[in-house]
Amino acid sequence: MTIFLVIGGIGIVLLLLALLVGEVLDGLLDFDGFFHFDALDSDILSTAGVAGLLGGFGFGGAIGLGLTGMMSVGIGLGVLIGVLLGWGAGKLTSLLRGQGSDQAPSTATLIGAEAQVITAIPENGYGQVRLKYGGHTHTLNARGPVALDAGTRVWISGVLSATSVEVLPVDALGTAGTTGALDS
């Protein structure tokens, strides 16, 4: 039983090392010199995946051996739990890495979003709008076909550049003509 507990302890130490230091096995499983095997580049063989495999095998094996007194049951249960924990840790690592980034969305994704004028926009001139979108606060230069006072609620109807948009007042949504111009 001691060997199972030692293997499980190695898994926990490896997991703690991964949490504190980062991906410590990165590059250790690189066999590009002789052959390339894409499965080795997967998240299942990440540090967290290997730690889950070792911890699950060690502690699962100790539980199986302790309950039955049979080494074969200990090994079988250890392999089963180790593979499941390794797979789960790899998938969780992959999921966490795939989460959203800190990058703000592009200006083109803001079309249709509601904003508020913070610097008055003269007719066919530029002012500024502010909006919250995707967890980010954006302040953009804005142009509209009519004069818009500060505090006016608007929606973004087009993109003029990476930092400027075209806006229309929210209360004019139902009165826009087919050309996009506002009826007075």
N, C-alpha and C. Protein backbone atom coordinates (compact mmCIF):
# COMPACT_ATOMS: atom_id res chain seq x y z
N MET A 1 0.82 -1.19 0.00
CA MET A 1 0.00 0.00 0.00
C MET A 1 0.87 1.25 0.00
N THR A 2 2.05 1.16 0.58
CA THR A 2 2.93 2.32 0.68
C THR A 2 3.30 2.85 -0.70
N ILE A 3 3.56 1.95 -1.65
CA ILE A 3 3.94 2.40 -2.99
C ILE A 3 2.81 3.20 -3.64
N PHE A 4 1.56 2.76 -3.42
CA PHE A 4 0.42 3.51 -3.97
C PHE A 4 0.35 4.91 -3.35
N LEU A 5 0.54 5.01 -2.05
CA LEU A 5 0.49 6.31 -1.38
C LEU A 5 1.62 7.21 -1.83
N VAL A 6 2.80 6.65 -2.07
CA VAL A 6 3.92 7.45 -2.57
C VAL A 6 3.61 7.98 -3.97
N ILE A 7 3.06 7.14 -4.85
CA ILE A 7 2.70 7.57 -6.20
C ILE A 7 1.63 8.65 -6.14
N GLY A 8 0.63 8.47 -5.28
CA GLY A 8 -0.39 9.51 -5.11
C GLY A 8 0.20 10.80 -4.59
N GLY A 9 1.14 10.70 -3.66
CA GLY A 9 1.81 11.90 -3.14
C GLY A 9 2.61 12.61 -4.21
N ILE A 10 3.26 11.85 -5.09
CA ILE A 10 4.00 12.46 -6.21
C ILE A 10 3.02 13.22 -7.11
N GLY A 11 1.84 12.66 -7.33
CA GLY A 11 0.82 13.35 -8.13
C GLY A 11 0.41 14.67 -7.50
N ILE A 12 0.23 14.68 -6.18
CA ILE A 12 -0.15 15.93 -5.49
C ILE A 12 0.98 16.95 -5.56
N VAL A 13 2.22 16.50 -5.36
CA VAL A 13 3.37 17.41 -5.45
C VAL A 13 3.47 18.00 -6.85
N LEU A 14 3.27 17.16 -7.87
CA LEU A 14 3.31 17.64 -9.25
C LEU A 14 2.20 18.64 -9.52
N LEU A 15 1.01 18.39 -8.98
CA LEU A 15 -0.10 19.33 -9.15
C LEU A 15 0.20 20.66 -8.47
N LEU A 16 0.73 20.61 -7.26
CA LEU A 16 1.09 21.85 -6.57
C LEU A 16 2.19 22.60 -7.32
N LEU A 17 3.14 21.87 -7.85
CA LEU A 17 4.20 22.48 -8.64
C LEU A 17 3.62 23.17 -9.88
N ALA A 18 2.66 22.50 -10.52
CA ALA A 18 2.02 23.09 -11.70
C ALA A 18 1.26 24.35 -11.34
N LEU A 19 0.60 24.35 -10.19
CA LEU A 19 -0.15 25.53 -9.76
C LEU A 19 0.76 26.70 -9.40
N LEU A 20 1.90 26.40 -8.80
CA LEU A 20 2.80 27.46 -8.35
C LEU A 20 3.78 27.92 -9.42
N VAL A 21 4.26 27.00 -10.24
CA VAL A 21 5.31 27.32 -11.21
C VAL A 21 4.75 27.43 -12.63
N GLY A 22 3.78 26.63 -12.95
CA GLY A 22 3.24 26.61 -14.30
C GLY A 22 3.47 25.26 -14.95
N GLU A 23 3.43 25.22 -16.24
CA GLU A 23 3.55 23.99 -17.01
C GLU A 23 4.99 23.49 -16.95
N VAL A 24 5.27 22.57 -16.03
CA VAL A 24 6.64 22.11 -15.81
C VAL A 24 7.04 20.96 -16.75
N LEU A 25 6.09 20.28 -17.35
CA LEU A 25 6.41 19.19 -18.26
C LEU A 25 6.51 19.65 -19.71
N ASP A 26 6.29 20.93 -19.96
CA ASP A 26 6.33 21.46 -21.32
C ASP A 26 7.71 21.22 -21.93
N GLY A 27 7.77 20.50 -22.99
CA GLY A 27 9.03 20.21 -23.65
C GLY A 27 9.65 18.90 -23.25
N LEU A 28 9.30 18.35 -22.09
CA LEU A 28 9.89 17.07 -21.67
C LEU A 28 9.37 15.91 -22.50
N LEU A 29 8.17 16.04 -23.03
CA LEU A 29 7.58 14.96 -23.82
C LEU A 29 7.66 15.24 -25.32
N ASP A 30 8.66 16.01 -25.74
CA ASP A 30 8.82 16.38 -27.14
C ASP A 30 9.73 15.37 -27.83
N PHE A 31 9.16 14.60 -28.73
CA PHE A 31 9.91 13.56 -29.43
C PHE A 31 10.10 13.90 -30.91
N ASP A 32 10.16 15.18 -31.27
CA ASP A 32 10.25 15.56 -32.68
C ASP A 32 11.56 15.14 -33.34
N GLY A 33 12.56 14.78 -32.54
CA GLY A 33 13.84 14.38 -33.12
C GLY A 33 13.71 13.14 -34.00
N PHE A 34 12.93 12.13 -33.58
CA PHE A 34 12.80 10.89 -34.32
C PHE A 34 11.44 10.73 -34.99
N PHE A 35 10.38 11.13 -34.30
CA PHE A 35 9.04 11.02 -34.85
C PHE A 35 8.16 12.06 -34.19
N HIS A 36 7.02 12.30 -34.80
CA HIS A 36 6.09 13.28 -34.24
C HIS A 36 4.76 12.59 -33.95
N PHE A 37 4.32 12.66 -32.73
CA PHE A 37 3.09 12.03 -32.30
C PHE A 37 2.22 13.11 -31.69
N ASP A 38 1.15 13.53 -32.41
CA ASP A 38 0.33 14.66 -31.98
C ASP A 38 -0.36 14.46 -30.64
N ALA A 39 -0.60 13.24 -30.22
CA ALA A 39 -1.29 13.01 -28.95
C ALA A 39 -0.46 13.53 -27.77
N LEU A 40 0.86 13.56 -27.93
CA LEU A 40 1.72 14.06 -26.86
C LEU A 40 1.59 15.56 -26.67
N ASP A 41 1.09 16.27 -27.69
CA ASP A 41 0.91 17.72 -27.59
C ASP A 41 -0.44 18.08 -26.99
N SER A 42 -1.25 17.11 -26.62
CA SER A 42 -2.58 17.39 -26.11
C SER A 42 -2.54 17.85 -24.67
N ASP A 43 -3.66 18.36 -24.18
CA ASP A 43 -3.75 18.81 -22.80
C ASP A 43 -3.83 17.64 -21.81
N ILE A 44 -4.12 16.44 -22.30
CA ILE A 44 -4.19 15.29 -21.40
C ILE A 44 -2.80 14.99 -20.84
N LEU A 45 -1.76 15.23 -21.61
CA LEU A 45 -0.41 15.04 -21.10
C LEU A 45 0.18 16.36 -20.62
N SER A 46 -0.67 17.25 -20.17
CA SER A 46 -0.21 18.46 -19.51
C SER A 46 0.22 18.08 -18.10
N THR A 47 0.83 19.01 -17.40
CA THR A 47 1.26 18.73 -16.03
C THR A 47 0.06 18.36 -15.16
N ALA A 48 -1.05 19.07 -15.32
CA ALA A 48 -2.25 18.76 -14.53
C ALA A 48 -2.79 17.37 -14.88
N GLY A 49 -2.74 17.01 -16.17
CA GLY A 49 -3.21 15.69 -16.57
C GLY A 49 -2.36 14.57 -15.99
N VAL A 50 -1.05 14.73 -16.04
CA VAL A 50 -0.15 13.72 -15.48
C VAL A 50 -0.30 13.67 -13.96
N ALA A 51 -0.45 14.82 -13.32
CA ALA A 51 -0.66 14.86 -11.87
C ALA A 51 -1.95 14.14 -11.49
N GLY A 52 -3.01 14.36 -12.26
CA GLY A 52 -4.28 13.66 -12.00
C GLY A 52 -4.14 12.17 -12.19
N LEU A 53 -3.41 11.76 -13.23
CA LEU A 53 -3.19 10.34 -13.48
C LEU A 53 -2.42 9.70 -12.33
N LEU A 54 -1.33 10.32 -11.91
CA LEU A 54 -0.53 9.75 -10.82
C LEU A 54 -1.29 9.75 -9.50
N GLY A 55 -1.93 10.88 -9.18
CA GLY A 55 -2.67 10.96 -7.92
C GLY A 55 -3.82 9.96 -7.88
N GLY A 56 -4.57 9.88 -8.98
CA GLY A 56 -5.69 8.94 -9.04
C GLY A 56 -5.22 7.50 -8.96
N PHE A 57 -4.14 7.18 -9.68
CA PHE A 57 -3.61 5.81 -9.63
C PHE A 57 -3.14 5.48 -8.22
N GLY A 58 -2.39 6.38 -7.62
CA GLY A 58 -1.84 6.10 -6.29
C GLY A 58 -2.91 5.95 -5.23
N PHE A 59 -3.77 6.94 -5.11
CA PHE A 59 -4.78 6.88 -4.06
C PHE A 59 -5.90 5.89 -4.37
N GLY A 60 -6.28 5.75 -5.66
CA GLY A 60 -7.26 4.73 -6.04
C GLY A 60 -6.73 3.33 -5.80
N GLY A 61 -5.45 3.12 -6.11
CA GLY A 61 -4.83 1.83 -5.85
C GLY A 61 -4.77 1.52 -4.37
N ALA A 62 -4.47 2.53 -3.55
CA ALA A 62 -4.43 2.32 -2.10
C ALA A 62 -5.81 1.98 -1.56
N ILE A 63 -6.84 2.63 -2.08
CA ILE A 63 -8.21 2.33 -1.64
C ILE A 63 -8.59 0.90 -2.04
N GLY A 64 -8.30 0.53 -3.30
CA GLY A 64 -8.63 -0.83 -3.76
C GLY A 64 -7.89 -1.89 -2.98
N LEU A 65 -6.61 -1.67 -2.73
CA LEU A 65 -5.83 -2.64 -1.96
C LEU A 65 -6.29 -2.69 -0.51
N GLY A 66 -6.61 -1.56 0.06
CA GLY A 66 -7.07 -1.53 1.45
C GLY A 66 -8.41 -2.20 1.64
N LEU A 67 -9.31 -2.06 0.68
CA LEU A 67 -10.65 -2.64 0.82
C LEU A 67 -10.66 -4.16 0.58
N THR A 68 -9.84 -4.61 -0.37
CA THR A 68 -9.91 -6.04 -0.72
C THR A 68 -8.68 -6.84 -0.31
N GLY A 69 -7.56 -6.19 -0.12
CA GLY A 69 -6.32 -6.89 0.19
C GLY A 69 -5.69 -7.55 -1.03
N MET A 70 -6.26 -7.31 -2.23
CA MET A 70 -5.75 -7.92 -3.46
C MET A 70 -5.04 -6.85 -4.30
N MET A 71 -3.78 -7.12 -4.65
CA MET A 71 -2.98 -6.18 -5.43
C MET A 71 -3.60 -5.93 -6.80
N SER A 72 -4.15 -6.96 -7.44
CA SER A 72 -4.74 -6.80 -8.78
C SER A 72 -5.92 -5.84 -8.75
N VAL A 73 -6.74 -5.90 -7.70
CA VAL A 73 -7.87 -4.96 -7.56
C VAL A 73 -7.35 -3.56 -7.33
N GLY A 74 -6.30 -3.44 -6.53
CA GLY A 74 -5.70 -2.13 -6.28
C GLY A 74 -5.16 -1.50 -7.55
N ILE A 75 -4.46 -2.31 -8.35
CA ILE A 75 -3.91 -1.80 -9.61
C ILE A 75 -5.04 -1.44 -10.57
N GLY A 76 -6.02 -2.31 -10.69
CA GLY A 76 -7.15 -2.04 -11.60
C GLY A 76 -7.92 -0.79 -11.22
N LEU A 77 -8.25 -0.66 -9.93
CA LEU A 77 -8.97 0.52 -9.48
C LEU A 77 -8.10 1.77 -9.63
N GLY A 78 -6.81 1.64 -9.37
CA GLY A 78 -5.88 2.76 -9.53
C GLY A 78 -5.80 3.24 -10.96
N VAL A 79 -5.72 2.29 -11.89
CA VAL A 79 -5.66 2.64 -13.31
C VAL A 79 -6.96 3.33 -13.73
N LEU A 80 -8.10 2.78 -13.32
CA LEU A 80 -9.39 3.35 -13.68
C LEU A 80 -9.52 4.78 -13.15
N ILE A 81 -9.29 4.97 -11.88
CA ILE A 81 -9.41 6.31 -11.28
C ILE A 81 -8.35 7.25 -11.83
N GLY A 82 -7.13 6.75 -12.04
CA GLY A 82 -6.06 7.58 -12.58
C GLY A 82 -6.36 8.09 -13.98
N VAL A 83 -6.85 7.20 -14.83
CA VAL A 83 -7.18 7.60 -16.20
C VAL A 83 -8.32 8.62 -16.20
N LEU A 84 -9.34 8.38 -15.38
CA LEU A 84 -10.46 9.32 -15.31
C LEU A 84 -10.02 10.69 -14.79
N LEU A 85 -9.22 10.71 -13.72
CA LEU A 85 -8.75 11.98 -13.17
C LEU A 85 -7.79 12.68 -14.13
N GLY A 86 -6.92 11.92 -14.78
CA GLY A 86 -6.00 12.51 -15.75
C GLY A 86 -6.74 13.12 -16.91
N TRP A 87 -7.73 12.39 -17.43
CA TRP A 87 -8.54 12.91 -18.53
C TRP A 87 -9.30 14.15 -18.09
N GLY A 88 -9.92 14.10 -16.90
CA GLY A 88 -10.68 15.25 -16.40
C GLY A 88 -9.80 16.47 -16.16
N ALA A 89 -8.62 16.26 -15.59
CA ALA A 89 -7.71 17.38 -15.36
C ALA A 89 -7.24 17.97 -16.68
N GLY A 90 -6.98 17.12 -17.67
CA GLY A 90 -6.58 17.61 -18.99
C GLY A 90 -7.68 18.42 -19.66
N LYS A 91 -8.91 17.91 -19.58
CA LYS A 91 -10.04 18.64 -20.17
C LYS A 91 -10.27 19.96 -19.45
N LEU A 92 -10.18 19.95 -18.12
CA LEU A 92 -10.36 21.19 -17.36
C LEU A 92 -9.27 22.20 -17.70
N THR A 93 -8.04 21.73 -17.84
CA THR A 93 -6.95 22.62 -18.24
C THR A 93 -7.23 23.22 -19.60
N SER A 94 -7.68 22.41 -20.53
CA SER A 94 -8.02 22.88 -21.87
C SER A 94 -9.14 23.90 -21.83
N LEU A 95 -10.16 23.63 -21.03
CA LEU A 95 -11.29 24.56 -20.89
C LEU A 95 -10.84 25.89 -20.32
N LEU A 96 -10.01 25.86 -19.30
CA LEU A 96 -9.55 27.09 -18.69
C LEU A 96 -8.64 27.89 -19.62
N ARG A 97 -7.84 27.20 -20.41
CA ARG A 97 -6.99 27.91 -21.38
C ARG A 97 -7.81 28.53 -22.49
N GLY A 98 -8.94 27.94 -22.81
CA GLY A 98 -9.77 28.43 -23.89
C GLY A 98 -10.73 29.53 -23.49
N GLN A 99 -10.69 29.97 -22.27
CA GLN A 99 -11.58 31.04 -21.82
C GLN A 99 -11.24 32.32 -22.56
N GLY A 100 -12.17 33.28 -22.49
CA GLY A 100 -11.98 34.55 -23.16
C GLY A 100 -10.69 35.23 -22.80
N SER A 101 -10.24 36.08 -23.70
CA SER A 101 -8.99 36.79 -23.48
C SER A 101 -9.26 38.17 -22.91
N ASP A 102 -8.19 38.86 -22.59
CA ASP A 102 -8.30 40.22 -22.07
C ASP A 102 -8.43 41.25 -23.18
N GLN A 103 -8.47 40.80 -24.42
CA GLN A 103 -8.56 41.72 -25.53
C GLN A 103 -9.98 42.25 -25.67
N ALA A 104 -10.08 43.53 -25.94
CA ALA A 104 -11.38 44.15 -26.15
C ALA A 104 -11.94 43.71 -27.50
N PRO A 105 -13.26 43.65 -27.62
CA PRO A 105 -13.84 43.29 -28.90
C PRO A 105 -13.54 44.35 -29.95
N SER A 106 -13.54 43.97 -31.21
CA SER A 106 -13.27 44.93 -32.28
C SER A 106 -14.45 45.88 -32.43
N THR A 107 -14.18 47.02 -33.05
CA THR A 107 -15.21 48.03 -33.24
C THR A 107 -16.38 47.49 -34.06
N ALA A 108 -16.09 46.62 -35.02
CA ALA A 108 -17.16 46.08 -35.88
C ALA A 108 -18.18 45.27 -35.09
N THR A 109 -17.79 44.68 -33.97
CA THR A 109 -18.74 43.90 -33.17
C THR A 109 -19.69 44.79 -32.38
N LEU A 110 -19.43 46.09 -32.36
CA LEU A 110 -20.26 47.01 -31.58
C LEU A 110 -21.50 47.50 -32.32
N ILE A 111 -21.63 47.16 -33.60
CA ILE A 111 -22.78 47.62 -34.37
C ILE A 111 -24.06 47.10 -33.73
N GLY A 112 -24.99 48.00 -33.48
CA GLY A 112 -26.25 47.67 -32.84
C GLY A 112 -26.24 47.87 -31.34
N ALA A 113 -25.07 48.11 -30.77
CA ALA A 113 -24.97 48.31 -29.33
C ALA A 113 -25.43 49.72 -28.96
N GLU A 114 -25.97 49.84 -27.76
CA GLU A 114 -26.43 51.14 -27.29
C GLU A 114 -25.29 51.84 -26.56
N ALA A 115 -25.20 53.16 -26.76
CA ALA A 115 -24.16 53.97 -26.13
C ALA A 115 -24.79 55.27 -25.65
N GLN A 116 -23.97 56.08 -25.00
CA GLN A 116 -24.43 57.39 -24.53
C GLN A 116 -23.43 58.44 -25.00
N VAL A 117 -23.96 59.55 -25.52
CA VAL A 117 -23.11 60.64 -25.98
C VAL A 117 -22.49 61.31 -24.75
N ILE A 118 -21.15 61.44 -24.74
CA ILE A 118 -20.50 62.12 -23.62
C ILE A 118 -19.92 63.48 -24.03
N THR A 119 -19.65 63.66 -25.32
CA THR A 119 -19.26 64.95 -25.87
C THR A 119 -20.22 65.21 -27.03
N ALA A 120 -20.91 66.36 -26.98
CA ALA A 120 -21.94 66.66 -27.98
C ALA A 120 -21.43 66.43 -29.40
N ILE A 121 -22.32 65.90 -30.24
CA ILE A 121 -21.98 65.61 -31.63
C ILE A 121 -22.72 66.64 -32.50
N PRO A 122 -21.98 67.53 -33.20
CA PRO A 122 -22.64 68.47 -34.11
C PRO A 122 -23.12 67.73 -35.36
N GLU A 123 -24.07 68.31 -36.08
CA GLU A 123 -24.57 67.68 -37.30
C GLU A 123 -23.41 67.44 -38.26
N ASN A 124 -23.26 66.21 -38.70
CA ASN A 124 -22.18 65.75 -39.59
C ASN A 124 -20.79 66.07 -39.05
N GLY A 125 -20.68 66.21 -37.73
CA GLY A 125 -19.38 66.44 -37.09
C GLY A 125 -19.09 65.31 -36.12
N TYR A 126 -18.01 65.43 -35.38
CA TYR A 126 -17.60 64.39 -34.45
C TYR A 126 -17.74 64.81 -33.00
N GLY A 127 -18.14 63.86 -32.17
CA GLY A 127 -18.17 63.99 -30.72
C GLY A 127 -17.69 62.65 -30.17
N GLN A 128 -18.10 62.34 -28.94
CA GLN A 128 -17.70 61.07 -28.35
C GLN A 128 -18.87 60.36 -27.70
N VAL A 129 -18.82 59.03 -27.73
CA VAL A 129 -19.80 58.19 -27.05
C VAL A 129 -19.06 57.22 -26.15
N ARG A 130 -19.78 56.73 -25.13
CA ARG A 130 -19.22 55.72 -24.22
C ARG A 130 -20.24 54.60 -24.10
N LEU A 131 -19.74 53.38 -24.06
CA LEU A 131 -20.62 52.23 -23.89
C LEU A 131 -19.87 51.12 -23.18
N LYS A 132 -20.63 50.23 -22.57
CA LYS A 132 -20.07 49.01 -21.98
C LYS A 132 -20.50 47.86 -22.87
N TYR A 133 -19.52 47.06 -23.26
CA TYR A 133 -19.79 45.94 -24.14
C TYR A 133 -18.76 44.85 -23.88
N GLY A 134 -19.22 43.65 -23.65
CA GLY A 134 -18.32 42.52 -23.43
C GLY A 134 -17.44 42.70 -22.21
N GLY A 135 -17.94 43.38 -21.20
CA GLY A 135 -17.17 43.58 -19.98
C GLY A 135 -16.16 44.70 -20.07
N HIS A 136 -16.16 45.42 -21.17
CA HIS A 136 -15.21 46.51 -21.37
C HIS A 136 -15.97 47.83 -21.56
N THR A 137 -15.39 48.91 -21.09
CA THR A 137 -15.95 50.24 -21.34
C THR A 137 -15.20 50.84 -22.52
N HIS A 138 -15.94 51.30 -23.51
CA HIS A 138 -15.35 51.87 -24.73
C HIS A 138 -15.72 53.34 -24.81
N THR A 139 -14.77 54.16 -25.16
CA THR A 139 -15.01 55.55 -25.50
C THR A 139 -14.55 55.71 -26.94
N LEU A 140 -15.48 56.10 -27.80
CA LEU A 140 -15.19 56.17 -29.23
C LEU A 140 -15.58 57.54 -29.79
N ASN A 141 -14.89 57.95 -30.83
CA ASN A 141 -15.32 59.12 -31.57
C ASN A 141 -16.59 58.72 -32.33
N ALA A 142 -17.50 59.66 -32.45
CA ALA A 142 -18.77 59.31 -33.08
C ALA A 142 -19.25 60.46 -33.97
N ARG A 143 -19.92 60.08 -35.05
CA ARG A 143 -20.52 61.04 -35.98
C ARG A 143 -21.96 60.63 -36.19
N GLY A 144 -22.82 61.62 -36.30
CA GLY A 144 -24.23 61.35 -36.54
C GLY A 144 -24.77 62.29 -37.59
N PRO A 145 -25.89 61.93 -38.22
CA PRO A 145 -26.48 62.77 -39.27
C PRO A 145 -27.23 63.98 -38.70
N VAL A 146 -27.46 63.98 -37.40
CA VAL A 146 -28.12 65.11 -36.74
C VAL A 146 -27.31 65.47 -35.50
N ALA A 147 -27.50 66.70 -35.01
CA ALA A 147 -26.81 67.12 -33.79
C ALA A 147 -27.35 66.33 -32.61
N LEU A 148 -26.46 65.89 -31.75
CA LEU A 148 -26.84 65.10 -30.58
C LEU A 148 -26.17 65.70 -29.35
N ASP A 149 -26.96 66.00 -28.33
CA ASP A 149 -26.44 66.58 -27.10
C ASP A 149 -25.83 65.50 -26.21
N ALA A 150 -24.94 65.95 -25.31
CA ALA A 150 -24.36 65.04 -24.32
C ALA A 150 -25.49 64.44 -23.49
N GLY A 151 -25.40 63.15 -23.20
CA GLY A 151 -26.42 62.45 -22.43
C GLY A 151 -27.44 61.73 -23.29
N THR A 152 -27.46 61.99 -24.58
CA THR A 152 -28.41 61.34 -25.48
C THR A 152 -28.05 59.87 -25.65
N ARG A 153 -29.06 59.00 -25.57
CA ARG A 153 -28.86 57.58 -25.83
C ARG A 153 -28.87 57.35 -27.33
N VAL A 154 -27.85 56.64 -27.80
CA VAL A 154 -27.71 56.38 -29.24
C VAL A 154 -27.40 54.89 -29.44
N TRP A 155 -27.51 54.46 -30.68
CA TRP A 155 -27.07 53.11 -31.02
C TRP A 155 -26.07 53.23 -32.16
N ILE A 156 -25.14 52.31 -32.19
CA ILE A 156 -24.08 52.34 -33.19
C ILE A 156 -24.60 51.70 -34.47
N SER A 157 -24.60 52.50 -35.54
CA SER A 157 -25.17 52.03 -36.80
C SER A 157 -24.10 51.67 -37.83
N GLY A 158 -22.87 52.07 -37.61
CA GLY A 158 -21.81 51.76 -38.56
C GLY A 158 -20.44 52.03 -37.98
N VAL A 159 -19.43 51.52 -38.66
CA VAL A 159 -18.05 51.71 -38.25
C VAL A 159 -17.36 52.58 -39.28
N LEU A 160 -16.73 53.66 -38.81
CA LEU A 160 -16.01 54.55 -39.71
C LEU A 160 -14.51 54.24 -39.70
N SER A 161 -13.99 53.87 -38.57
CA SER A 161 -12.59 53.47 -38.44
C SER A 161 -12.47 52.64 -37.16
N ALA A 162 -11.25 52.30 -36.78
CA ALA A 162 -11.05 51.49 -35.58
C ALA A 162 -11.43 52.25 -34.31
N THR A 163 -11.46 53.58 -34.39
CA THR A 163 -11.76 54.38 -33.19
C THR A 163 -12.96 55.29 -33.37
N SER A 164 -13.68 55.19 -34.47
CA SER A 164 -14.85 56.05 -34.66
C SER A 164 -16.00 55.28 -35.28
N VAL A 165 -17.21 55.67 -34.85
CA VAL A 165 -18.42 55.00 -35.29
C VAL A 165 -19.46 56.01 -35.74
N GLU A 166 -20.45 55.50 -36.43
CA GLU A 166 -21.60 56.32 -36.81
C GLU A 166 -22.74 55.93 -35.89
N VAL A 167 -23.47 56.93 -35.38
CA VAL A 167 -24.54 56.66 -34.42
C VAL A 167 -25.84 57.29 -34.85
N LEU A 168 -26.92 56.73 -34.33
CA LEU A 168 -28.27 57.28 -34.51
C LEU A 168 -28.93 57.31 -33.13
N PRO A 169 -29.79 58.30 -32.88
CA PRO A 169 -30.46 58.35 -31.58
C PRO A 169 -31.38 57.14 -31.39
N VAL A 170 -31.47 56.64 -30.17
CA VAL A 170 -32.30 55.48 -29.87
C VAL A 170 -33.76 55.77 -30.17
N ASP A 171 -34.24 56.96 -29.86
CA ASP A 171 -35.65 57.27 -30.08
C ASP A 171 -36.00 57.39 -31.55
N ALA A 172 -35.02 57.36 -32.44
CA ALA A 172 -35.28 57.45 -33.88
C ALA A 172 -35.25 56.08 -34.55
N LEU A 173 -35.16 55.02 -33.77
CA LEU A 173 -35.07 53.68 -34.35
C LEU A 173 -36.27 53.37 -35.23
N GLY A 174 -37.45 53.73 -34.83
CA GLY A 174 -38.64 53.41 -35.60
C GLY A 174 -38.88 54.34 -36.76
N THR A 175 -38.17 55.47 -36.84
CA THR A 175 -38.44 56.44 -37.89
C THR A 175 -37.35 56.50 -38.93
N ALA A 176 -36.36 55.59 -38.91
CA ALA A 176 -35.28 55.62 -39.90
C ALA A 176 -35.82 55.19 -41.25
N GLY A 177 -35.44 55.93 -42.28
CA GLY A 177 -35.86 55.60 -43.65
C GLY A 177 -35.01 54.49 -44.22
N THR A 178 -35.23 54.16 -45.48
CA THR A 178 -34.50 53.06 -46.09
C THR A 178 -33.05 53.44 -46.36
N THR A 179 -32.73 54.73 -46.45
CA THR A 179 -31.35 55.13 -46.71
C THR A 179 -30.56 55.29 -45.42
N GLY A 180 -31.20 55.14 -44.27
CA GLY A 180 -30.51 55.28 -43.00
C GLY A 180 -30.59 56.70 -42.48
N ALA A 181 -31.11 57.65 -43.24
CA ALA A 181 -31.23 59.03 -42.77
C ALA A 181 -32.44 59.14 -41.87
N LEU A 182 -32.38 60.06 -40.95
CA LEU A 182 -33.49 60.26 -40.03
C LEU A 182 -34.50 61.22 -40.64
N ASP A 183 -35.78 60.88 -40.44
CA ASP A 183 -36.84 61.79 -40.86
C ASP A 183 -37.00 62.83 -39.78
N SER A 184 -37.16 64.08 -40.14
CA SER A 184 -37.31 65.14 -39.13
C SER A 184 -38.74 65.43 -38.82
